Protein backbone atom coordinates (compact mmCIF):
# COMPACT_ATOMS: atom_id res chain seq x y z
CA MET A 1 0.00 0.00 0.00
CA LEU A 2 1.30 3.44 -0.91
CA GLU A 3 2.03 5.52 2.17
CA THR A 4 0.47 8.98 2.14
CA VAL A 5 2.59 11.25 4.32
CA GLN A 6 1.03 14.51 5.44
CA ILE A 7 1.98 17.27 7.82
CA VAL A 8 -1.08 18.68 9.53
CA SER A 9 -1.80 21.19 12.26
CA ILE A 10 -1.51 19.80 15.77
CA GLN A 11 -4.95 18.99 17.16
CA LYS A 12 -5.94 18.60 20.79
CA SER A 13 -6.78 14.99 19.96
CA HIS A 14 -3.07 14.40 19.20
CA LEU A 15 -1.82 15.48 22.60
CA GLN A 16 -2.33 12.35 24.67
CA HIS A 17 -0.50 10.27 22.08
CA MET A 18 2.29 12.87 21.83
CA TYR A 19 2.75 12.90 25.59
CA LEU A 20 3.45 9.16 25.53
CA TRP A 21 6.38 9.87 23.22
CA GLU A 22 7.84 12.17 25.87
CA LEU A 23 7.74 9.22 28.31
CA ASP A 24 9.50 6.83 25.91
CA LYS A 25 13.01 6.06 27.25
CA GLU A 26 14.66 5.86 23.80
CA ILE A 27 13.13 9.16 22.73
CA GLN A 28 14.19 10.72 26.03
CA MET A 29 17.79 9.67 25.48
CA ASN A 30 17.89 10.80 21.84
CA THR A 31 16.35 14.20 22.62
CA GLY A 32 17.93 14.84 26.00
CA ILE A 33 14.74 14.76 28.07
CA GLU A 34 16.12 13.90 31.47
CA HIS A 35 12.97 14.64 33.46
CA PRO A 36 9.73 14.45 31.46
CA ARG A 37 7.10 17.06 32.16
CA THR A 38 3.94 16.12 33.97
CA TYR A 39 0.91 15.67 31.73
CA GLU A 40 -0.51 18.89 33.18
CA LEU A 41 2.61 20.90 32.26
CA PHE A 42 2.64 19.29 28.81
CA LEU A 43 -1.01 20.27 28.23
CA ASN A 44 -0.39 23.80 29.55
CA SER A 45 2.50 24.23 27.14
CA PHE A 46 0.34 23.26 24.17
CA ALA A 47 -2.55 25.40 25.44
CA LYS A 48 -0.19 28.39 25.21
CA TYR A 49 0.82 27.31 21.70
CA PHE A 50 -2.83 27.02 20.61
CA ARG A 51 -3.57 30.48 22.06
CA GLY A 52 -0.71 32.00 20.05
CA GLU A 53 1.44 32.68 23.10
CA LYS A 54 4.42 30.81 21.64
CA PRO A 55 4.98 32.55 18.29
CA GLN A 56 8.57 31.33 18.19
CA TYR A 57 7.26 27.78 17.61
CA PHE A 58 5.71 26.28 14.49
CA ILE A 59 4.64 22.66 14.98
CA LYS A 60 3.02 20.13 12.68
CA ALA A 61 1.91 16.56 13.20
CA VAL A 62 3.22 13.87 10.87
CA GLU A 63 0.49 11.53 9.72
CA VAL A 64 0.69 8.50 7.48
CA ASN A 65 -2.57 7.38 5.94
CA GLY A 66 -4.33 9.45 8.62
CA GLU A 67 -2.44 7.89 11.55
CA LEU A 68 -0.35 10.12 13.84
CA LEU A 69 3.27 8.94 13.74
CA GLY A 70 5.32 11.94 14.74
CA LYS A 71 5.82 15.66 14.85
CA ILE A 72 8.06 18.22 13.23
CA GLU A 73 8.73 21.67 14.57
CA LEU A 74 10.59 24.89 14.02
CA PHE A 75 11.82 27.01 16.89
CA TYR A 76 13.15 30.54 16.39
CA ASP A 77 15.51 31.63 19.18
CA GLY A 78 15.75 35.25 18.00
CA ASP A 79 18.78 34.49 15.84
CA LYS A 80 18.40 31.09 14.19
CA ASN A 81 15.61 28.71 13.20
CA TYR A 82 16.06 25.27 14.77
CA LEU A 83 14.26 22.23 13.45
CA GLY A 84 13.25 19.12 15.34
CA ILE A 85 11.60 15.98 14.05
CA LEU A 86 10.36 12.94 15.90
CA LEU A 87 8.97 9.77 14.37
CA ALA A 88 7.71 7.44 17.05
CA SER A 89 7.36 4.47 14.71
CA GLN A 90 7.82 3.29 11.12
CA ARG A 91 11.37 4.60 10.91
CA ASP A 92 13.72 3.87 8.00
CA GLN A 93 10.88 3.86 5.47
CA GLY A 94 11.32 7.33 3.96
CA ILE A 95 8.48 8.84 5.98
CA GLY A 96 10.74 11.25 7.85
CA THR A 97 12.33 12.47 4.62
CA ARG A 98 8.94 13.07 3.02
CA ALA A 99 7.64 14.88 6.12
CA LEU A 100 10.82 16.96 6.32
CA ASN A 101 10.58 18.02 2.68
CA LEU A 102 6.90 18.98 3.02
CA PHE A 103 7.66 20.97 6.17
CA LEU A 104 10.64 22.78 4.64
CA ILE A 105 8.58 23.82 1.63
CA GLU A 106 5.95 25.22 3.97
CA VAL A 107 8.36 27.13 6.23
CA LYS A 108 10.18 28.58 3.23
CA GLN A 109 6.95 29.76 1.58
CA CYS A 110 4.87 30.78 4.60
CA ARG A 111 7.47 31.82 7.16
CA TYR A 112 10.20 33.04 4.79
CA VAL A 113 12.85 30.82 6.33
CA ASP A 114 15.91 30.25 4.17
CA ARG A 115 18.16 28.33 6.57
CA VAL A 116 17.47 25.79 9.31
CA TYR A 117 19.69 24.33 11.99
CA VAL A 118 19.48 21.11 13.95
CA GLU A 119 21.26 20.10 17.12
CA VAL A 120 21.91 16.38 17.51
CA TYR A 121 23.81 14.37 20.10
CA ASP A 122 26.86 12.88 18.44
CA ASP A 123 25.96 9.43 19.80
CA ASN A 124 22.58 9.54 18.01
CA GLU A 125 23.81 7.93 14.81
CA ARG A 126 20.35 7.40 13.33
CA SER A 127 19.49 11.12 13.54
CA LEU A 128 22.90 12.22 12.29
CA HIS A 129 22.55 9.91 9.28
CA PHE A 130 18.99 11.15 8.64
CA PHE A 131 20.00 14.81 8.58
CA GLN A 132 23.15 14.24 6.53
CA LYS A 133 21.29 12.30 3.86
CA ASN A 134 18.80 15.19 3.78
CA LYS A 135 21.44 17.81 2.89
CA PHE A 136 22.34 19.06 6.37
CA VAL A 137 26.04 19.72 6.92
CA TYR A 138 28.11 20.18 10.06
CA THR A 139 28.71 23.78 11.07
CA GLY A 140 31.68 22.95 13.29
CA GLU A 141 29.73 24.17 16.31
CA SER A 142 29.26 21.87 19.26
CA SER A 143 28.55 22.05 22.95
CA ALA A 144 28.73 19.71 25.90
CA GLU A 145 25.57 18.87 27.81
CA TRP A 146 24.90 16.69 30.79
CA TYR A 147 22.39 13.86 30.58
CA LYS A 148 21.90 11.49 33.51
CA ASN A 149 25.30 12.37 34.99
CA GLN A 150 27.15 11.84 31.71
CA GLN A 151 28.52 14.50 29.44
CA ARG A 152 27.33 14.33 25.84
CA LYS A 153 28.39 16.30 22.80
CA LEU A 154 25.67 18.19 20.94
CA VAL A 155 26.65 19.01 17.34
CA THR A 156 25.01 21.56 15.05
CA LEU A 157 24.13 20.97 11.41
CA VAL A 158 22.63 23.42 8.92
CA ARG A 159 20.72 23.31 5.65
CA ASP A 160 20.06 26.17 3.27
CA LEU A 161 16.62 26.08 1.68
């Protein structure tokens, strides 16, 4: 069956499922979530997003054949636009690449973004490979962060749109 990948606006009905991703140990390690938020804090954060109180964020859900599989987001820190993508399942099937390309077209056209950055832990080989095969290149920037009492290196990659 042909997979139809779409990026759609986050709906309140997505939130419970998305919160479970935040509790997933593998996702926590790959994204650096040491202490997951409570469900109440998670819901409050998205309530602010829905009310327009977080204009620095632009978030879309990734759906395949109508099923929620992930999210993709852009965060503007006042200087740079940072991208994040999470696929909770069906990895290594081209879904992330299709979602990324749809999202980048949208942010270029609707938000006038011409460059995006990602920060990835250097021990997250799957994510590094994903971004490199999708035309992201190392900037040479890195920082050290602590995760569960271990220091990890966070590297920055960039892609011009």
